[in-house]
Protein backbone atom coordinates (compact mmCIF):
# COMPACT_ATOMS: atom_id res chain seq x y z
CA MET A 1 -1.49 -7.37 16.96
CA ASN A 2 2.12 -7.93 17.55
CA ILE A 3 4.51 -6.38 14.75
CA TYR A 4 6.53 -9.89 15.08
CA THR A 5 3.69 -11.96 14.92
CA LYS A 6 2.75 -10.28 11.42
CA LEU A 7 5.95 -10.05 10.07
CA SER A 8 6.29 -13.97 10.68
CA GLU A 9 2.68 -14.54 8.96
CA LEU A 10 4.12 -12.54 6.16
CA GLY A 11 7.42 -14.66 5.98
CA ILE A 12 9.67 -11.93 6.73
CA THR A 13 12.82 -12.35 8.74
CA LEU A 14 14.33 -8.76 9.49
CA PRO A 15 17.95 -8.47 8.62
CA PRO A 16 20.75 -7.31 10.53
CA VAL A 17 21.73 -3.76 10.07
CA ALA A 18 24.09 -3.21 7.07
CA ALA A 19 27.52 -1.31 8.00
CA PRO A 20 27.73 2.16 6.64
CA ALA A 21 29.51 2.47 3.33
CA ALA A 22 30.59 5.83 3.61
CA ALA A 23 30.91 8.45 6.61
CA TYR A 24 27.42 8.21 8.33
CA VAL A 25 25.36 6.35 10.59
CA PRO A 26 22.71 3.97 10.14
CA PHE A 27 20.17 5.69 12.45
CA VAL A 28 19.61 8.84 14.86
CA GLN A 29 17.14 9.24 17.46
CA THR A 30 16.28 12.86 18.83
CA GLY A 31 13.50 12.74 21.16
CA ASN A 32 10.78 10.60 20.00
CA LEU A 33 11.75 10.69 16.25
CA VAL A 34 14.27 8.17 14.98
CA PHE A 35 15.65 8.88 11.43
CA LEU A 36 17.22 5.91 9.19
CA SER A 37 19.61 6.83 6.64
CA GLY A 38 19.03 5.88 3.07
CA HIS A 39 18.95 2.03 2.28
CA LEU A 40 19.79 0.62 -0.95
CA ALA A 41 17.53 -1.98 -2.71
CA LYS A 42 19.12 -5.27 -2.52
CA LYS A 43 18.45 -8.50 -4.39
CA ASP A 44 20.20 -12.02 -3.21
CA GLY A 45 22.49 -9.94 -0.91
CA LYS A 46 23.68 -7.58 -3.60
CA VAL A 47 22.94 -4.09 -4.65
CA TRP A 48 20.06 -4.34 -6.87
CA VAL A 49 21.07 -2.46 -10.00
CA GLY A 50 18.99 -0.82 -12.72
CA GLN A 51 17.04 2.55 -14.10
CA PHE A 52 13.71 2.64 -14.45
CA GLY A 53 12.72 3.80 -17.91
CA LYS A 54 15.74 1.85 -19.23
CA ASN A 55 15.94 -1.68 -17.95
CA MET A 56 13.37 -2.03 -15.03
CA SER A 57 9.69 -2.34 -14.94
CA VAL A 58 7.27 -0.75 -12.43
CA GLU A 59 6.51 -4.04 -11.14
CA GLU A 60 10.25 -4.91 -10.23
CA GLY A 61 10.37 -1.26 -8.62
CA LYS A 62 7.55 -2.32 -6.35
CA ALA A 63 9.83 -5.44 -5.34
CA ALA A 64 12.83 -3.60 -5.11
CA SER A 65 11.01 -1.05 -2.70
CA ARG A 66 9.35 -3.55 -0.67
CA ALA A 67 12.68 -5.42 -0.20
CA VAL A 68 14.24 -1.77 1.00
CA ALA A 69 11.16 -1.69 3.50
CA ILE A 70 12.34 -5.07 4.95
CA ASP A 71 15.91 -3.78 5.40
CA LEU A 72 14.67 -0.54 6.83
CA MET A 73 12.53 -2.57 9.30
CA GLY A 74 15.65 -4.30 10.13
CA THR A 75 17.43 -1.25 11.19
CA LEU A 76 14.35 0.23 12.91
CA HIS A 77 14.59 -2.97 15.05
CA ALA A 78 18.00 -2.37 15.86
CA ALA A 79 17.34 1.21 16.55
CA VAL A 80 14.75 0.61 19.17
CA GLY A 81 14.87 -2.66 20.29
CA ASP A 82 11.09 -3.21 19.61
CA LEU A 83 9.34 -2.53 16.67
CA ASN A 84 6.13 -2.62 18.76
CA ARG A 85 7.36 0.61 20.26
CA ILE A 86 6.29 2.17 17.00
CA LYS A 87 3.72 4.97 17.56
CA ARG A 88 4.01 5.60 13.64
CA ILE A 89 5.94 5.67 10.47
CA VAL A 90 5.86 9.57 9.80
CA LYS A 91 7.80 10.07 6.52
CA LEU A 92 9.60 8.09 3.67
CA MET A 93 11.81 9.80 1.05
CA SER A 94 12.36 7.67 -2.08
CA LEU A 95 15.06 8.15 -4.56
CA VAL A 96 13.95 6.17 -7.71
CA ASN A 97 17.06 5.65 -10.49
CA SER A 98 15.01 6.91 -13.33
CA THR A 99 15.58 8.20 -17.18
CA GLY A 100 14.40 11.83 -17.66
CA ASP A 101 11.04 10.43 -19.38
CA PHE A 102 9.95 8.05 -16.51
CA THR A 103 7.06 9.45 -14.40
CA GLU A 104 6.00 6.81 -12.21
CA GLN A 105 8.37 7.04 -9.44
CA HIS A 106 5.33 7.23 -6.79
CA LEU A 107 4.27 3.56 -8.30
CA VAL A 108 7.78 2.02 -7.55
CA THR A 109 7.72 3.29 -4.01
CA ASN A 110 4.21 2.03 -3.37
CA GLY A 111 6.09 -1.37 -2.71
CA ALA A 112 7.47 0.03 0.57
CA SER A 113 4.34 2.13 1.72
CA GLU A 114 1.87 -0.95 0.95
CA LEU A 115 4.49 -3.44 3.18
CA LEU A 116 4.91 -0.67 6.08
CA GLY A 117 0.83 -0.25 5.90
CA GLU A 118 0.28 -4.24 5.97
CA VAL A 119 3.05 -4.73 9.08
CA PHE A 120 2.15 -1.81 10.88
CA GLY A 121 -1.78 -1.09 10.19
CA ALA A 122 -2.99 2.55 10.68
CA GLN A 123 0.31 3.61 12.23
CA GLY A 124 2.43 2.49 9.22
CA ALA A 125 0.18 5.40 7.22
CA HIS A 126 2.95 7.78 6.27
CA ALA A 127 3.94 11.08 4.62
CA ARG A 128 6.03 10.17 1.47
CA SER A 129 8.00 11.87 -1.21
CA ALA A 130 9.18 9.92 -4.35
CA PHE A 131 11.95 11.42 -6.74
CA GLY A 132 13.23 10.42 -9.63
CA VAL A 133 17.14 10.89 -9.85
CA ALA A 134 19.72 10.43 -12.50
CA GLN A 135 21.89 7.90 -10.45
CA ILE A 136 22.10 6.58 -7.05
CA PRO A 137 25.05 4.99 -5.43
CA LEU A 138 26.52 1.92 -6.62
CA GLY A 139 23.73 2.03 -9.37
CA ALA A 140 21.21 0.99 -7.24
CA CYS A 141 17.51 1.19 -8.72
CA VAL A 142 16.19 2.64 -5.25
CA GLU A 143 17.11 4.37 -1.99
CA ILE A 144 14.80 5.09 0.73
CA GLU A 145 14.97 6.89 4.25
CA LEU A 146 12.26 6.70 6.83
CA VAL A 147 11.42 8.79 9.88
CA ALA A 148 9.63 6.91 12.43
CA GLU A 149 8.03 8.25 16.14
CA LEU A 150 8.10 6.03 19.06
CA ALA A 151 5.45 5.67 21.60
């Protein structure tokens, strides 16, 4: 199935690439691999601020991670020109803004992983790390980076 048809069926419109907030670029391609810089969770166009174990639930976190995955796909589209060129989503690394006793970072990150699987099918199955961190830039609740392979 065409990736853009699937996105349309899901009611997803890809956003444009956000301008970097510091000294980095949004993506780098080397060989057949595309590395996307970390993307912060956003809600209503603003950084989605919060900390798990303090003022955010796992369900809110899944929604935040899903929102990040949509932004990542927008950047991936800008990087490669056509998401149908993606051979495989290789890896996600997720940073989850958490208190010291919060241990469900993997469940928060499922929001992104599940959406990528839904959009890309078997090519969306990926390796993953999910870390709890004391803080993320701008107080964001989640930051995710992605590596993809081109066909």
